[in-house]
N, C-alpha and C. Protein backbone atom coordinates (compact mmCIF):
# COMPACT_ATOMS: atom_id res chain seq x y z
N MET A 1 -3.33 13.54 -13.53
CA MET A 1 -2.21 12.95 -13.09
C MET A 1 -1.97 13.65 -11.85
N GLN A 2 -2.75 14.64 -11.68
CA GLN A 2 -2.59 15.25 -10.15
C GLN A 2 -2.60 14.46 -8.63
N ARG A 3 -3.88 13.36 -8.84
CA ARG A 3 -4.05 12.78 -8.11
C ARG A 3 -2.48 11.90 -7.40
N GLY A 4 -2.01 11.11 -9.14
CA GLY A 4 -0.55 10.32 -8.55
C GLY A 4 0.59 11.20 -8.11
N ARG A 5 0.28 12.21 -7.87
CA ARG A 5 1.55 13.62 -7.60
C ARG A 5 1.26 13.27 -5.77
N ARG A 6 -0.05 13.66 -5.89
CA ARG A 6 -0.76 13.59 -4.28
C ARG A 6 -0.70 12.41 -3.43
N ASP A 7 -0.78 11.33 -4.35
CA ASP A 7 -0.02 9.90 -3.53
C ASP A 7 1.50 9.47 -3.41
N GLU A 8 2.30 9.79 -4.11
CA GLU A 8 3.46 10.09 -4.06
C GLU A 8 3.91 11.19 -3.24
N GLY A 9 3.39 12.19 -3.06
CA GLY A 9 3.32 12.99 -2.12
C GLY A 9 3.48 12.32 -0.59
N ALA A 10 2.54 11.92 -0.79
CA ALA A 10 2.32 11.19 1.09
C ALA A 10 2.79 10.02 1.07
N ALA A 11 3.56 9.77 0.14
CA ALA A 11 4.67 8.23 0.63
C ALA A 11 5.74 9.06 0.83
N ARG A 12 6.07 10.04 0.02
CA ARG A 12 7.59 10.85 0.42
C ARG A 12 8.20 10.58 1.95
N PRO A 13 7.19 11.41 3.05
CA PRO A 13 7.71 11.11 4.16
C PRO A 13 8.05 9.96 4.69
N ALA A 14 7.83 8.97 4.25
CA ALA A 14 7.87 7.18 4.84
C ALA A 14 8.94 7.05 4.56
N LEU A 15 9.50 7.64 3.14
CA LEU A 15 10.48 7.15 2.15
C LEU A 15 11.85 7.97 1.49
N PRO A 16 12.07 8.89 3.12
CA PRO A 16 12.59 9.93 3.02
C PRO A 16 13.79 9.51 1.83
N HIS A 17 14.94 8.30 2.16
CA HIS A 17 16.12 7.83 1.44
C HIS A 17 15.68 7.21 0.10
N ARG A 18 14.63 7.10 -0.52
CA ARG A 18 14.09 6.42 -1.34
C ARG A 18 14.33 7.43 -2.11
N SER A 19 14.49 6.83 -3.79
CA SER A 19 14.65 7.95 -4.89
C SER A 19 13.27 7.80 -5.04
N MET A 20 12.58 9.19 -6.18
CA MET A 20 11.34 9.64 -6.40
C MET A 20 11.04 8.47 -7.57
N ALA A 21 11.98 8.04 -8.11
CA ALA A 21 11.50 6.54 -9.21
C ALA A 21 10.77 5.79 -8.28
N GLU A 22 11.31 5.51 -7.42
CA GLU A 22 11.45 4.33 -6.36
C GLU A 22 9.89 4.60 -5.21
N VAL A 23 9.79 6.10 -5.22
CA VAL A 23 8.21 6.11 -4.38
C VAL A 23 7.39 5.95 -5.49
N VAL A 24 7.59 6.75 -6.83
CA VAL A 24 6.41 6.66 -7.71
C VAL A 24 6.13 4.94 -8.03
N PHE A 25 7.26 3.52 -8.24
CA PHE A 25 6.78 2.68 -8.12
C PHE A 25 6.25 2.50 -6.89
N LEU A 26 6.47 2.54 -5.40
CA LEU A 26 6.03 1.60 -4.71
C LEU A 26 4.61 2.55 -4.28
N THR A 27 4.44 3.35 -4.44
CA THR A 27 3.16 3.99 -4.29
C THR A 27 1.92 3.54 -5.36
N GLY A 28 2.16 3.05 -6.62
CA GLY A 28 1.52 2.34 -7.82
C GLY A 28 1.43 1.07 -7.53
N PHE A 29 3.06 0.41 -6.54
CA PHE A 29 2.37 -1.27 -6.42
C PHE A 29 1.51 -0.78 -4.73
N PHE A 30 1.59 -0.13 -3.93
CA PHE A 30 0.80 -0.27 -3.22
C PHE A 30 -0.82 -0.13 -3.58
N LEU A 31 -1.10 0.81 -4.23
CA LEU A 31 -2.42 1.18 -4.39
C LEU A 31 -3.17 -0.06 -5.67
N LEU A 32 -1.98 -0.50 -6.50
CA LEU A 32 -2.74 -1.16 -7.37
C LEU A 32 -2.96 -2.75 -6.50
N SER A 33 -1.82 -3.18 -5.47
CA SER A 33 -2.19 -4.30 -4.42
C SER A 33 -3.56 -4.25 -3.43
N LEU A 34 -3.58 -3.20 -3.09
CA LEU A 34 -5.14 -2.87 -2.39
C LEU A 34 -6.18 -2.94 -3.08
N GLY A 35 -6.20 -2.42 -4.33
CA GLY A 35 -7.40 -2.26 -5.51
C GLY A 35 -7.17 -3.93 -5.59
N ALA A 36 -6.77 -4.97 -6.29
CA ALA A 36 -6.29 -6.30 -6.02
C ALA A 36 -7.23 -6.94 -4.86
N ILE A 37 -6.74 -7.13 -3.85
CA ILE A 37 -7.20 -7.81 -2.82
C ILE A 37 -8.73 -7.23 -2.67
N ALA A 38 -9.41 -5.81 -2.67
CA ALA A 38 -10.30 -5.30 -2.26
C ALA A 38 -11.25 -5.85 -3.18
N GLU A 39 -10.94 -6.16 -4.30
CA GLU A 39 -11.73 -6.63 -5.92
C GLU A 39 -12.02 -8.01 -5.37
N LYS A 40 -11.02 -8.47 -4.70
CA LYS A 40 -11.76 -10.02 -4.84
C LYS A 40 -11.84 -10.68 -3.75
N VAL A 41 -11.88 -10.04 -2.73
CA VAL A 41 -12.54 -10.00 -1.52
C VAL A 41 -14.13 -9.86 -1.38
N THR A 42 -14.11 -7.97 -1.92
CA THR A 42 -15.36 -7.91 -2.05
C THR A 42 -16.31 -8.58 -2.91
N GLY A 43 -15.50 -9.42 -3.55
CA GLY A 43 -16.39 -10.23 -4.52
C GLY A 43 -16.94 -11.01 -4.14
N ARG A 44 -16.58 -11.69 -3.21
CA ARG A 44 -17.06 -12.87 -2.37
C ARG A 44 -18.25 -12.35 -1.39
N LYS A 45 -18.67 -11.21 -1.06
CA LYS A 45 -19.62 -10.49 -0.41
C LYS A 45 -19.74 -11.17 1.06
N PRO A 46 -18.38 -10.77 1.27
CA PRO A 46 -17.98 -11.19 2.64
C PRO A 46 -18.83 -10.53 3.78
N SER A 47 -19.13 -11.25 4.79
CA SER A 47 -19.74 -10.42 5.89
C SER A 47 -18.93 -9.20 6.31
N ARG A 48 -18.86 -8.59 7.65
CA ARG A 48 -18.04 -7.75 8.33
C ARG A 48 -17.32 -8.62 8.97
N SER A 49 -17.97 -9.83 9.81
CA SER A 49 -16.83 -10.46 10.55
C SER A 49 -15.83 -11.28 9.51
N GLU A 50 -16.30 -11.47 8.32
CA GLU A 50 -15.50 -12.69 7.52
C GLU A 50 -14.46 -11.04 6.55
N LEU A 51 -14.56 -10.07 6.86
CA LEU A 51 -13.86 -9.12 6.21
C LEU A 51 -12.42 -8.62 7.09
N GLU A 52 -12.98 -8.56 7.88
CA GLU A 52 -12.08 -7.92 9.22
C GLU A 52 -10.66 -8.55 9.10
N PRO A 53 -10.50 -10.42 9.30
CA PRO A 53 -9.32 -10.96 9.03
C PRO A 53 -8.55 -10.53 7.60
N TRP A 54 -9.59 -10.13 6.73
CA TRP A 54 -9.00 -9.80 5.19
C TRP A 54 -8.22 -8.18 5.56
N MET A 55 -8.72 -7.49 5.58
CA MET A 55 -7.88 -5.88 5.86
C MET A 55 -7.20 -6.42 7.44
N THR A 56 -7.15 -7.00 8.49
CA THR A 56 -6.03 -7.27 9.45
C THR A 56 -4.91 -7.28 8.49
N ALA A 57 -4.95 -8.36 7.80
CA ALA A 57 -3.91 -9.26 7.44
C ALA A 57 -3.08 -8.61 5.96
N THR A 58 -3.80 -7.72 5.61
CA THR A 58 -3.78 -6.89 4.43
C THR A 58 -2.69 -5.83 5.12
N ALA A 59 -3.16 -4.61 6.01
CA ALA A 59 -2.54 -4.06 6.84
C ALA A 59 -0.95 -4.22 7.15
N GLU A 60 -1.39 -5.38 8.04
CA GLU A 60 -0.11 -5.90 8.51
C GLU A 60 1.23 -6.19 7.44
N LEU A 61 0.28 -6.79 6.38
CA LEU A 61 1.73 -6.91 5.33
C LEU A 61 2.09 -5.63 4.68
N LEU A 62 1.42 -5.04 4.16
CA LEU A 62 1.89 -3.56 3.90
C LEU A 62 2.42 -2.64 4.58
N CYS A 63 2.14 -2.85 5.50
CA CYS A 63 2.60 -1.87 6.94
C CYS A 63 4.49 -2.42 7.45
N ALA A 64 4.42 -4.16 7.45
CA ALA A 64 5.85 -4.61 7.19
C ALA A 64 6.45 -4.47 6.42
N TYR A 65 6.11 -4.27 4.89
CA TYR A 65 6.61 -3.84 3.88
C TYR A 65 7.18 -2.47 4.04
N LEU A 66 6.35 -1.95 3.72
CA LEU A 66 6.53 -0.29 4.38
C LEU A 66 7.62 0.29 5.07
N GLU A 67 7.76 -0.61 6.34
CA GLU A 67 8.64 -0.27 7.40
C GLU A 67 9.97 -1.34 6.83
N ARG A 68 9.95 -2.61 6.65
CA ARG A 68 11.43 -2.77 5.84
C ARG A 68 12.47 -2.06 5.08
N LEU A 69 11.20 -1.24 3.86
CA LEU A 69 11.79 -0.44 3.21
C LEU A 69 12.18 1.03 4.22
N SER A 70 12.04 0.97 4.61
CA SER A 70 11.94 2.89 5.65
C SER A 70 13.42 2.49 6.41
N VAL A 71 13.58 1.36 6.99
CA VAL A 71 14.69 0.87 7.46
C VAL A 71 15.84 0.47 6.78
N GLN A 72 15.55 0.03 5.22
CA GLN A 72 16.86 -0.42 4.76
C GLN A 72 17.04 0.64 4.05
N GLY A 73 18.62 1.03 3.66
CA GLY A 73 19.25 2.35 3.02
C GLY A 73 18.64 2.24 1.52
N PRO A 74 19.11 3.20 1.02
CA PRO A 74 19.07 3.72 -0.63
C PRO A 74 19.79 2.21 -1.20
């Protein structure tokens, strides 16, 4: 369980106004989302040029969500 604590601790500064329960959920959500997308995309065995748009879109999607959460109040 040490890994989970470290991951949640890394997310905490980005979400200071969120409860620890929310940070735990959001950390799991981000990790699960990244893992699921990576599994599906890499299963297609894309070339680097095919992979770049997936990486960019995923990063933009998750960063926009995180930014929205950090701006919203509790």
